[in-house]
PDB file of N, CA and C in Angstrom:
ATOM      1  N   UNK A   1     -81.450-136.037  10.185  1.00  0.00           N
ATOM      2  CA  UNK A   1     -80.570-137.173  10.360  1.00  0.00           C
ATOM      3  C   UNK A   1     -81.382-138.354  10.893  1.00  0.00           C
ATOM      4  N   UNK A   2     -81.113-139.517  10.357  1.00  0.00           N
ATOM      5  CA  UNK A   2     -81.758-140.746  10.800  1.00  0.00           C
ATOM      6  C   UNK A   2     -81.048-141.273  12.042  1.00  0.00           C
ATOM      7  N   UNK A   3     -81.829-141.738  13.005  1.00  0.00           N
ATOM      8  CA  UNK A   3     -81.282-142.299  14.245  1.00  0.00           C
ATOM      9  C   UNK A   3     -81.544-143.805  14.261  1.00  0.00           C
ATOM     10  N   UNK A   4     -80.457-144.564  14.328  1.00  0.00           N
ATOM     11  CA  UNK A   4     -80.539-146.019  14.262  1.00  0.00           C
ATOM     12  C   UNK A   4     -79.866-146.628  15.485  1.00  0.00           C
ATOM     13  N   UNK A   5     -80.615-147.455  16.195  1.00  0.00           N
ATOM     14  CA  UNK A   5     -80.040-148.202  17.309  1.00  0.00           C
ATOM     15  C   UNK A   5     -79.324-149.428  16.782  1.00  0.00           C
ATOM     16  N   UNK A   6     -78.212-149.759  17.389  1.00  0.00           N
ATOM     17  CA  UNK A   6     -77.413-150.920  16.990  1.00  0.00           C
ATOM     18  C   UNK A   6     -77.360-151.890  18.167  1.00  0.00           C
ATOM     19  N   UNK A   7     -77.773-153.122  17.918  1.00  0.00           N
ATOM     20  CA  UNK A   7     -77.636-154.175  18.918  1.00  0.00           C
ATOM     21  C   UNK A   7     -76.829-155.298  18.285  1.00  0.00           C
ATOM     22  N   UNK A   8     -75.630-155.485  18.770  1.00  0.00           N
ATOM     23  CA  UNK A   8     -74.778-156.547  18.257  1.00  0.00           C
ATOM     24  C   UNK A   8     -74.886-157.784  19.118  1.00  0.00           C
ATOM     25  N   UNK A   9     -74.676-158.927  18.498  1.00  0.00           N
ATOM     26  CA  UNK A   9     -74.699-160.159  19.266  1.00  0.00           C
ATOM     27  C   UNK A   9     -74.592-161.382  18.383  1.00  0.00           C
ATOM     28  N   UNK A  10     -74.504-162.510  19.038  1.00  0.00           N
ATOM     29  CA  UNK A  10     -74.447-163.786  18.318  1.00  0.00           C
ATOM     30  C   UNK A  10     -75.825-164.190  17.798  1.00  0.00           C
ATOM     31  N   UNK A  11     -76.884-163.802  18.515  1.00  0.00           N
ATOM     32  CA  UNK A  11     -78.256-164.171  18.156  1.00  0.00           C
ATOM     33  C   UNK A  11     -78.317-165.685  17.914  1.00  0.00           C
ATOM     34  N   UNK A  12     -77.924-166.417  18.936  1.00  0.00           N
ATOM     35  CA  UNK A  12     -77.743-167.863  18.838  1.00  0.00           C
ATOM     36  C   UNK A  12     -78.662-168.597  19.812  1.00  0.00           C
ATOM     37  N   UNK A  13     -79.962-168.581  19.587  1.00  0.00           N
ATOM     38  CA  UNK A  13     -80.710-167.921  18.518  1.00  0.00           C
ATOM     39  C   UNK A  13     -81.237-166.565  18.977  1.00  0.00           C
ATOM     40  N   UNK A  14     -81.836-165.843  18.031  1.00  0.00           N
ATOM     41  CA  UNK A  14     -82.562-164.621  18.389  1.00  0.00           C
ATOM     42  C   UNK A  14     -83.782-165.040  19.210  1.00  0.00           C
ATOM     43  N   UNK A  15     -84.169-164.201  20.173  1.00  0.00           N
ATOM     44  CA  UNK A  15     -85.304-164.555  21.030  1.00  0.00           C
ATOM     45  C   UNK A  15     -86.110-163.307  21.394  1.00  0.00           C
ATOM     46  N   UNK A  16     -87.213-163.521  22.099  1.00  0.00           N
ATOM     47  CA  UNK A  16     -88.112-162.419  22.456  1.00  0.00           C
ATOM     48  C   UNK A  16     -87.430-161.355  23.302  1.00  0.00           C
ATOM     49  N   UNK A  17     -86.442-161.721  24.077  1.00  0.00           N
ATOM     50  CA  UNK A  17     -85.701-160.739  24.872  1.00  0.00           C
ATOM     51  C   UNK A  17     -84.991-159.726  23.989  1.00  0.00           C
ATOM     52  N   UNK A  18     -84.367-160.204  22.901  1.00  0.00           N
ATOM     53  CA  UNK A  18     -83.730-159.286  21.949  1.00  0.00           C
ATOM     54  C   UNK A  18     -84.776-158.310  21.389  1.00  0.00           C
ATOM     55  N   UNK A  19     -85.901-158.876  20.987  1.00  0.00           N
ATOM     56  CA  UNK A  19     -86.964-158.057  20.398  1.00  0.00           C
ATOM     57  C   UNK A  19     -87.512-157.051  21.407  1.00  0.00           C
ATOM     58  N   UNK A  20     -87.762-157.504  22.611  1.00  0.00           N
ATOM     59  CA  UNK A  20     -88.346-156.650  23.642  1.00  0.00           C
ATOM     60  C   UNK A  20     -87.451-155.456  23.977  1.00  0.00           C
ATOM     61  N   UNK A  21     -86.167-155.705  24.220  1.00  0.00           N
ATOM     62  CA  UNK A  21     -85.282-154.583  24.572  1.00  0.00           C
ATOM     63  C   UNK A  21     -85.085-153.645  23.389  1.00  0.00           C
ATOM     64  N   UNK A  22     -85.106-154.201  22.178  1.00  0.00           N
ATOM     65  CA  UNK A  22     -84.943-153.357  20.992  1.00  0.00           C
ATOM     66  C   UNK A  22     -86.159-152.462  20.793  1.00  0.00           C
ATOM     67  N   UNK A  23     -87.351-153.022  20.906  1.00  0.00           N
ATOM     68  CA  UNK A  23     -88.564-152.212  20.746  1.00  0.00           C
ATOM     69  C   UNK A  23     -88.669-151.155  21.840  1.00  0.00           C
ATOM     70  N   UNK A  24     -88.261-151.494  23.054  1.00  0.00           N
ATOM     71  CA  UNK A  24     -88.261-150.506  24.143  1.00  0.00           C
ATOM     72  C   UNK A  24     -87.285-149.379  23.833  1.00  0.00           C
ATOM     73  N   UNK A  25     -86.112-149.713  23.327  1.00  0.00           N
ATOM     74  CA  UNK A  25     -85.117-148.686  22.987  1.00  0.00           C
ATOM     75  C   UNK A  25     -85.620-147.792  21.858  1.00  0.00           C
ATOM     76  N   UNK A  26     -86.255-148.381  20.858  1.00  0.00           N
ATOM     77  CA  UNK A  26     -86.813-147.590  19.754  1.00  0.00           C
ATOM     78  C   UNK A  26     -87.815-146.584  20.299  1.00  0.00           C
ATOM     79  N   UNK A  27     -88.652-147.027  21.208  1.00  0.00           N
ATOM     80  CA  UNK A  27     -89.672-146.161  21.796  1.00  0.00           C
ATOM     81  C   UNK A  27     -89.057-145.076  22.683  1.00  0.00           C
ATOM     82  N   UNK A  28     -88.252-145.466  23.641  1.00  0.00           N
ATOM     83  CA  UNK A  28     -87.699-144.527  24.626  1.00  0.00           C
ATOM     84  C   UNK A  28     -86.729-143.530  23.990  1.00  0.00           C
ATOM     85  N   UNK A  29     -85.922-144.002  23.037  1.00  0.00           N
ATOM     86  CA  UNK A  29     -84.907-143.139  22.422  1.00  0.00           C
ATOM     87  C   UNK A  29     -85.391-142.471  21.136  1.00  0.00           C
ATOM     88  N   UNK A  30     -86.650-142.718  20.760  1.00  0.00           N
ATOM     89  CA  UNK A  30     -87.237-142.155  19.540  1.00  0.00           C
ATOM     90  C   UNK A  30     -86.371-142.462  18.315  1.00  0.00           C
ATOM     91  N   UNK A  31     -86.005-143.735  18.180  1.00  0.00           N
ATOM     92  CA  UNK A  31     -85.179-144.167  17.054  1.00  0.00           C
ATOM     93  C   UNK A  31     -86.050-144.388  15.825  1.00  0.00           C
ATOM     94  N   UNK A  32     -85.462-144.177  14.665  1.00  0.00           N
ATOM     95  CA  UNK A  32     -86.170-144.464  13.421  1.00  0.00           C
ATOM     96  C   UNK A  32     -86.262-145.970  13.182  1.00  0.00           C
ATOM     97  N   UNK A  33     -85.209-146.667  13.551  1.00  0.00           N
ATOM     98  CA  UNK A  33     -85.179-148.122  13.440  1.00  0.00           C
ATOM     99  C   UNK A  33     -83.994-148.643  14.240  1.00  0.00           C
ATOM    100  N   UNK A  34     -83.888-149.963  14.283  1.00  0.00           N
ATOM    101  CA  UNK A  34     -82.738-150.593  14.935  1.00  0.00           C
ATOM    102  C   UNK A  34     -82.174-151.650  14.000  1.00  0.00           C
ATOM    103  N   UNK A  35     -80.873-151.823  14.079  1.00  0.00           N
ATOM    104  CA  UNK A  35     -80.205-152.873  13.320  1.00  0.00           C
ATOM    105  C   UNK A  35     -79.658-153.889  14.299  1.00  0.00           C
ATOM    106  N   UNK A  36     -79.913-155.150  14.019  1.00  0.00           N
ATOM    107  CA  UNK A  36     -79.293-156.231  14.769  1.00  0.00           C
ATOM    108  C   UNK A  36     -78.084-156.687  13.968  1.00  0.00           C
ATOM    109  N   UNK A  37     -76.910-156.521  14.536  1.00  0.00           N
ATOM    110  CA  UNK A  37     -75.681-156.953  13.879  1.00  0.00           C
ATOM    111  C   UNK A  37     -75.395-158.386  14.320  1.00  0.00           C
ATOM    112  N   UNK A  38     -75.761-159.327  13.469  1.00  0.00           N
ATOM    113  CA  UNK A  38     -75.543-160.739  13.772  1.00  0.00           C
ATOM    114  C   UNK A  38     -74.072-161.039  13.498  1.00  0.00           C
ATOM    115  N   UNK A  39     -73.355-161.304  14.561  1.00  0.00           N
ATOM    116  CA  UNK A  39     -71.906-161.456  14.487  1.00  0.00           C
ATOM    117  C   UNK A  39     -71.504-162.720  13.732  1.00  0.00           C
ATOM    118  N   UNK A  40     -70.525-162.594  12.829  1.00  0.00           N
ATOM    119  CA  UNK A  40     -70.028-163.794  12.150  1.00  0.00           C
ATOM    120  C   UNK A  40     -69.265-164.705  13.106  1.00  0.00           C
ATOM    121  N   UNK A  41     -68.767-164.146  14.188  1.00  0.00           N
ATOM    122  CA  UNK A  41     -68.034-164.938  15.172  1.00  0.00           C
ATOM    123  C   UNK A  41     -67.709-164.095  16.381  1.00  0.00           C
ATOM    124  N   UNK A  42     -67.813-164.687  17.536  1.00  0.00           N
ATOM    125  CA  UNK A  42     -67.483-163.988  18.771  1.00  0.00           C
ATOM    126  C   UNK A  42     -66.040-164.323  19.119  1.00  0.00           C
ATOM    127  N   UNK A  43     -65.174-163.318  19.250  1.00  0.00           N
ATOM    128  CA  UNK A  43     -63.770-163.609  19.545  1.00  0.00           C
ATOM    129  C   UNK A  43     -63.566-164.278  20.904  1.00  0.00           C
ATOM    130  N   UNK A  44     -64.613-164.300  21.730  1.00  0.00           N
ATOM    131  CA  UNK A  44     -64.507-164.902  23.060  1.00  0.00           C
ATOM    132  C   UNK A  44     -65.114-166.304  23.135  1.00  0.00           C
ATOM    133  N   UNK A  45     -65.672-166.778  22.024  1.00  0.00           N
ATOM    134  CA  UNK A  45     -66.317-168.092  22.021  1.00  0.00           C
ATOM    135  C   UNK A  45     -65.696-168.987  20.958  1.00  0.00           C
ATOM    136  N   UNK A  46     -65.758-170.283  21.206  1.00  0.00           N
ATOM    137  CA  UNK A  46     -65.313-171.281  20.240  1.00  0.00           C
ATOM    138  C   UNK A  46     -66.468-171.530  19.273  1.00  0.00           C
ATOM    139  N   UNK A  47     -66.364-170.961  18.085  1.00  0.00           N
ATOM    140  CA  UNK A  47     -67.464-171.025  17.120  1.00  0.00           C
ATOM    141  C   UNK A  47     -67.821-172.460  16.752  1.00  0.00           C
ATOM    142  N   UNK A  48     -66.844-173.337  16.684  1.00  0.00           N
ATOM    143  CA  UNK A  48     -67.116-174.716  16.279  1.00  0.00           C
ATOM    144  C   UNK A  48     -68.035-175.420  17.271  1.00  0.00           C
ATOM    145  N   UNK A  49     -67.935-175.072  18.538  1.00  0.00           N
ATOM    146  CA  UNK A  49     -68.713-175.770  19.563  1.00  0.00           C
ATOM    147  C   UNK A  49     -69.894-174.976  20.090  1.00  0.00           C
ATOM    148  N   UNK A  50     -69.846-173.671  19.986  1.00  0.00           N
ATOM    149  CA  UNK A  50     -70.821-172.841  20.680  1.00  0.00           C
ATOM    150  C   UNK A  50     -71.881-172.190  19.802  1.00  0.00           C
ATOM    151  N   UNK A  51     -71.641-172.061  18.497  1.00  0.00           N
ATOM    152  CA  UNK A  51     -72.568-171.271  17.691  1.00  0.00           C
ATOM    153  C   UNK A  51     -73.064-172.019  16.462  1.00  0.00           C
ATOM    154  N   UNK A  52     -74.331-171.752  16.148  1.00  0.00           N
ATOM    155  CA  UNK A  52     -74.902-172.228  14.893  1.00  0.00           C
ATOM    156  C   UNK A  52     -74.243-171.449  13.754  1.00  0.00           C
ATOM    157  N   UNK A  53     -74.309-171.957  12.529  1.00  0.00           N
ATOM    158  CA  UNK A  53     -73.737-171.222  11.394  1.00  0.00           C
ATOM    159  C   UNK A  53     -74.406-169.854  11.225  1.00  0.00           C
ATOM    160  N   UNK A  54     -73.652-168.903  10.697  1.00  0.00           N
ATOM    161  CA  UNK A  54     -74.160-167.539  10.503  1.00  0.00           C
ATOM    162  C   UNK A  54     -75.486-167.512   9.739  1.00  0.00           C
ATOM    163  N   UNK A  55     -75.647-168.227   8.619  1.00  0.00           N
ATOM    164  CA  UNK A  55     -76.938-168.156   7.916  1.00  0.00           C
ATOM    165  C   UNK A  55     -78.129-168.573   8.787  1.00  0.00           C
ATOM    166  N   UNK A  56     -77.946-169.556   9.638  1.00  0.00           N
ATOM    167  CA  UNK A  56     -79.038-169.996  10.520  1.00  0.00           C
ATOM    168  C   UNK A  56     -79.350-168.934  11.565  1.00  0.00           C
ATOM    169  N   UNK A  57     -78.319-168.308  12.123  1.00  0.00           N
ATOM    170  CA  UNK A  57     -78.538-167.270  13.136  1.00  0.00           C
ATOM    171  C   UNK A  57     -79.161-166.030  12.512  1.00  0.00           C
ATOM    172  N   UNK A  58     -78.748-165.692  11.290  1.00  0.00           N
ATOM    173  CA  UNK A  58     -79.323-164.545  10.585  1.00  0.00           C
ATOM    174  C   UNK A  58     -80.800-164.803  10.280  1.00  0.00           C
ATOM    175  N   UNK A  59     -81.122-166.004   9.846  1.00  0.00           N
ATOM    176  CA  UNK A  59     -82.527-166.354   9.573  1.00  0.00           C
ATOM    177  C   UNK A  59     -83.360-166.277  10.849  1.00  0.00           C
ATOM    178  N   UNK A  60     -82.810-166.746  11.954  1.00  0.00           N
ATOM    179  CA  UNK A  60     -83.499-166.671  13.245  1.00  0.00           C
ATOM    180  C   UNK A  60     -83.768-165.218  13.627  1.00  0.00           C
ATOM    181  N   UNK A  61     -82.764-164.371  13.446  1.00  0.00           N
ATOM    182  CA  UNK A  61     -82.912-162.950  13.784  1.00  0.00           C
ATOM    183  C   UNK A  61     -83.937-162.276  12.875  1.00  0.00           C
ATOM    184  N   UNK A  62     -83.897-162.583  11.597  1.00  0.00           N
ATOM    185  CA  UNK A  62     -84.860-161.969  10.667  1.00  0.00           C
ATOM    186  C   UNK A  62     -86.284-162.396  10.995  1.00  0.00           C
ATOM    187  N   UNK A  63     -86.462-163.642  11.374  1.00  0.00           N
ATOM    188  CA  UNK A  63     -87.799-164.113  11.757  1.00  0.00           C
ATOM    189  C   UNK A  63     -88.280-163.396  13.018  1.00  0.00           C
ATOM    190  N   UNK A  64     -87.404-163.216  13.992  1.00  0.00           N
ATOM    191  CA  UNK A  64     -87.783-162.550  15.242  1.00  0.00           C
ATOM    192  C   UNK A  64     -88.037-161.055  15.016  1.00  0.00           C
ATOM    193  N   UNK A  65     -87.384-160.462  14.030  1.00  0.00           N
ATOM    194  CA  UNK A  65     -87.527-159.026  13.757  1.00  0.00           C
ATOM    195  C   UNK A  65     -88.730-158.706  12.874  1.00  0.00           C
ATOM    196  N   UNK A  66     -89.364-159.718  12.346  1.00  0.00           N
ATOM    197  CA  UNK A  66     -90.469-159.525  11.403  1.00  0.00           C
ATOM    198  C   UNK A  66     -91.546-158.601  11.964  1.00  0.00           C
ATOM    199  N   UNK A  67     -92.082-157.751  11.100  1.00  0.00           N
ATOM    200  CA  UNK A  67     -93.156-156.808  11.429  1.00  0.00           C
ATOM    201  C   UNK A  67     -92.759-155.820  12.527  1.00  0.00           C
ATOM    202  N   UNK A  68     -91.506-155.427  12.535  1.00  0.00           N
ATOM    203  CA  UNK A  68     -91.010-154.432  13.498  1.00  0.00           C
ATOM    204  C   UNK A  68     -89.968-153.572  12.784  1.00  0.00           C
ATOM    205  N   UNK A  69     -89.706-152.382  13.296  1.00  0.00           N
ATOM    206  CA  UNK A  69     -88.685-151.524  12.676  1.00  0.00           C
ATOM    207  C   UNK A  69     -87.273-151.984  13.064  1.00  0.00           C
ATOM    208  N   UNK A  70     -87.024-153.267  12.817  1.00  0.00           N
ATOM    209  CA  UNK A  70     -85.745-153.894  13.155  1.00  0.00           C
ATOM    210  C   UNK A  70     -85.204-154.563  11.896  1.00  0.00           C
ATOM    211  N   UNK A  71     -83.948-154.294  11.594  1.00  0.00           N
ATOM    212  CA  UNK A  71     -83.290-154.908  10.444  1.00  0.00           C
ATOM    213  C   UNK A  71     -82.175-155.820  10.950  1.00  0.00           C
ATOM    214  N   UNK A  72     -82.306-157.113  10.722  1.00  0.00           N
ATOM    215  CA  UNK A  72     -81.242-158.059  11.070  1.00  0.00           C
ATOM    216  C   UNK A  72     -80.278-158.126   9.892  1.00  0.00           C
ATOM    217  N   UNK A  73     -78.995-157.986  10.174  1.00  0.00           N
ATOM    218  CA  UNK A  73     -78.013-157.904   9.099  1.00  0.00           C
ATOM    219  C   UNK A  73     -76.726-158.646   9.441  1.00  0.00           C
ATOM    220  N   UNK A  74     -76.060-159.097   8.402  1.00  0.00           N
ATOM    221  CA  UNK A  74     -74.750-159.728   8.540  1.00  0.00           C
ATOM    222  C   UNK A  74     -73.642-158.768   8.102  1.00  0.00           C
ATOM    223  N   UNK A  75     -73.881-157.476   8.270  1.00  0.00           N
ATOM    224  CA  UNK A  75     -72.955-156.470   7.760  1.00  0.00           C
ATOM    225  C   UNK A  75     -71.549-156.609   8.347  1.00  0.00           C
ATOM    226  N   UNK A  76     -71.427-157.116   9.567  1.00  0.00           N
ATOM    227  CA  UNK A  76     -70.077-157.297  10.125  1.00  0.00           C
ATOM    228  C   UNK A  76     -69.273-158.280   9.283  1.00  0.00           C
ATOM    229  N   UNK A  77     -69.908-159.316   8.776  1.00  0.00           N
ATOM    230  CA  UNK A  77     -69.210-160.270   7.908  1.00  0.00           C
ATOM    231  C   UNK A  77     -68.785-159.583   6.615  1.00  0.00           C
ATOM    232  N   UNK A  78     -69.647-158.733   6.073  1.00  0.00           N
ATOM    233  CA  UNK A  78     -69.324-158.032   4.830  1.00  0.00           C
ATOM    234  C   UNK A  78     -68.290-156.934   5.026  1.00  0.00           C
ATOM    235  N   UNK A  79     -68.263-156.335   6.225  1.00  0.00           N
ATOM    236  CA  UNK A  79     -67.266-155.303   6.531  1.00  0.00           C
ATOM    237  C   UNK A  79     -65.934-155.910   6.975  1.00  0.00           C
ATOM    238  N   UNK A  80     -65.943-157.204   7.234  1.00  0.00           N
ATOM    239  CA  UNK A  80     -64.745-157.914   7.724  1.00  0.00           C
ATOM    240  C   UNK A  80     -64.250-157.322   9.036  1.00  0.00           C
ATOM    241  N   UNK A  81     -65.192-157.072   9.949  1.00  0.00           N
ATOM    242  CA  UNK A  81     -64.817-156.576  11.276  1.00  0.00           C
ATOM    243  C   UNK A  81     -65.093-157.663  12.302  1.00  0.00           C
ATOM    244  N   UNK A  82     -64.355-157.575  13.395  1.00  0.00           N
ATOM    245  CA  UNK A  82     -64.517-158.563  14.456  1.00  0.00           C
ATOM    246  C   UNK A  82     -64.813-157.903  15.796  1.00  0.00           C
ATOM    247  N   UNK A  83     -64.389-156.668  15.943  1.00  0.00           N
ATOM    248  CA  UNK A  83     -64.556-155.958  17.206  1.00  0.00           C
ATOM    249  C   UNK A  83     -65.497-154.770  17.013  1.00  0.00           C
ATOM    250  N   UNK A  84     -66.265-154.464  18.048  1.00  0.00           N
ATOM    251  CA  UNK A  84     -67.283-153.420  18.007  1.00  0.00           C
ATOM    252  C   UNK A  84     -66.733-152.086  17.530  1.00  0.00           C
ATOM    253  N   UNK A  85     -65.620-151.661  18.062  1.00  0.00           N
ATOM    254  CA  UNK A  85     -65.048-150.366  17.692  1.00  0.00           C
ATOM    255  C   UNK A  85     -64.779-150.288  16.195  1.00  0.00           C
ATOM    256  N   UNK A  86     -64.226-151.345  15.620  1.00  0.00           N
ATOM    257  CA  UNK A  86     -63.951-151.361  14.181  1.00  0.00           C
ATOM    258  C   UNK A  86     -65.250-151.307  13.378  1.00  0.00           C
ATOM    259  N   UNK A  87     -66.254-152.025  13.843  1.00  0.00           N
ATOM    260  CA  UNK A  87     -67.548-152.028  13.152  1.00  0.00           C
ATOM    261  C   UNK A  87     -68.169-150.639  13.158  1.00  0.00           C
ATOM    262  N   UNK A  88     -68.197-149.997  14.310  1.00  0.00           N
ATOM    263  CA  UNK A  88     -68.793-148.659  14.413  1.00  0.00           C
ATOM    264  C   UNK A  88     -68.051-147.670  13.523  1.00  0.00           C
ATOM    265  N   UNK A  89     -66.745-147.717  13.527  1.00  0.00           N
ATOM    266  CA  UNK A  89     -65.969-146.809  12.667  1.00  0.00           C
ATOM    267  C   UNK A  89     -66.338-146.986  11.196  1.00  0.00           C
ATOM    268  N   UNK A  90     -66.428-148.229  10.754  1.00  0.00           N
ATOM    269  CA  UNK A  90     -66.763-148.479   9.347  1.00  0.00           C
ATOM    270  C   UNK A  90     -68.206-148.088   9.034  1.00  0.00           C
ATOM    271  N   UNK A  91     -69.128-148.342   9.960  1.00  0.00           N
ATOM    272  CA  UNK A  91     -70.518-147.945   9.737  1.00  0.00           C
ATOM    273  C   UNK A  91     -70.638-146.430   9.610  1.00  0.00           C
ATOM    274  N   UNK A  92     -69.945-145.700  10.466  1.00  0.00           N
ATOM    275  CA  UNK A  92     -70.009-144.234  10.415  1.00  0.00           C
ATOM    276  C   UNK A  92     -69.450-143.702   9.099  1.00  0.00           C
ATOM    277  N   UNK A  93     -68.416-144.341   8.573  1.00  0.00           N
ATOM    278  CA  UNK A  93     -67.865-143.916   7.274  1.00  0.00           C
ATOM    279  C   UNK A  93     -68.815-144.273   6.134  1.00  0.00           C
ATOM    280  N   UNK A  94     -69.405-145.446   6.213  1.00  0.00           N
ATOM    281  CA  UNK A  94     -70.280-145.915   5.138  1.00  0.00           C
ATOM    282  C   UNK A  94     -71.622-145.184   5.122  1.00  0.00           C
ATOM    283  N   UNK A  95     -72.114-144.808   6.303  1.00  0.00           N
ATOM    284  CA  UNK A  95     -73.428-144.163   6.431  1.00  0.00           C
ATOM    285  C   UNK A  95     -73.293-142.842   7.190  1.00  0.00           C
ATOM    286  N   UNK A  96     -72.717-141.821   6.576  1.00  0.00           N
ATOM    287  CA  UNK A  96     -72.462-140.566   7.300  1.00  0.00           C
ATOM    288  C   UNK A  96     -73.725-139.807   7.711  1.00  0.00           C
ATOM    289  N   UNK A  97     -74.870-140.103   7.117  1.00  0.00           N
ATOM    290  CA  UNK A  97     -76.102-139.385   7.457  1.00  0.00           C
ATOM    291  C   UNK A  97     -76.930-140.107   8.514  1.00  0.00           C
ATOM    292  N   UNK A  98     -76.372-141.168   9.069  1.00  0.00           N
ATOM    293  CA  UNK A  98     -77.056-141.905  10.132  1.00  0.00           C
ATOM    294  C   UNK A  98     -76.319-141.671  11.440  1.00  0.00           C
ATOM    295  N   UNK A  99     -77.099-141.385  12.476  1.00  0.00           N
ATOM    296  CA  UNK A  99     -76.526-141.308  13.825  1.00  0.00           C
ATOM    297  C   UNK A  99     -76.803-142.647  14.490  1.00  0.00           C
ATOM    298  N   UNK A 100     -75.741-143.380  14.777  1.00  0.00           N
ATOM    299  CA  UNK A 100     -75.860-144.691  15.400  1.00  0.00           C
ATOM    300  C   UNK A 100     -75.830-144.559  16.912  1.00  0.00           C
ATOM    301  N   UNK A 101     -76.711-145.294  17.564  1.00  0.00           N
ATOM    302  CA  UNK A 101     -76.770-145.336  19.025  1.00  0.00           C
ATOM    303  C   UNK A 101     -76.586-146.796  19.427  1.00  0.00           C
ATOM    304  N   UNK A 102     -75.511-147.065  20.180  1.00  0.00           N
ATOM    305  CA  UNK A 102     -75.215-148.439  20.580  1.00  0.00           C
ATOM    306  C   UNK A 102     -76.155-148.861  21.698  1.00  0.00           C
ATOM    307  N   UNK A 103     -76.822-149.987  21.513  1.00  0.00           N
ATOM    308  CA  UNK A 103     -77.746-150.521  22.512  1.00  0.00           C
ATOM    309  C   UNK A 103     -77.073-151.677  23.243  1.00  0.00           C
ATOM    310  N   UNK A 104     -77.248-151.685  24.554  1.00  0.00           N
ATOM    311  CA  UNK A 104     -76.669-152.777  25.350  1.00  0.00           C
ATOM    312  C   UNK A 104     -77.733-153.337  26.271  1.00  0.00           C
TER     313      UNK A 104
END
């Protein structure tokens, strides 16, 4: 079974702190890789005033993840989920052979 760490966030923008904690988690938890779930919108923030557009945040995350076992993805937008619990449920159904580990 593949072990994948999940780090969700706005990534507004992605920064070295995201990368550092993710690489540490990959090492300590012996993960195969980590996915950064770049949120299409935070239900607790006013997107119009607080966040860059999703494509810009995704590009920032992909640039920060370069040359590391980190995949930045907009899968929450494609799954049409807004809350973590809904996202995890859909990921587990879509990828039954992956064991997801939530990173905080």
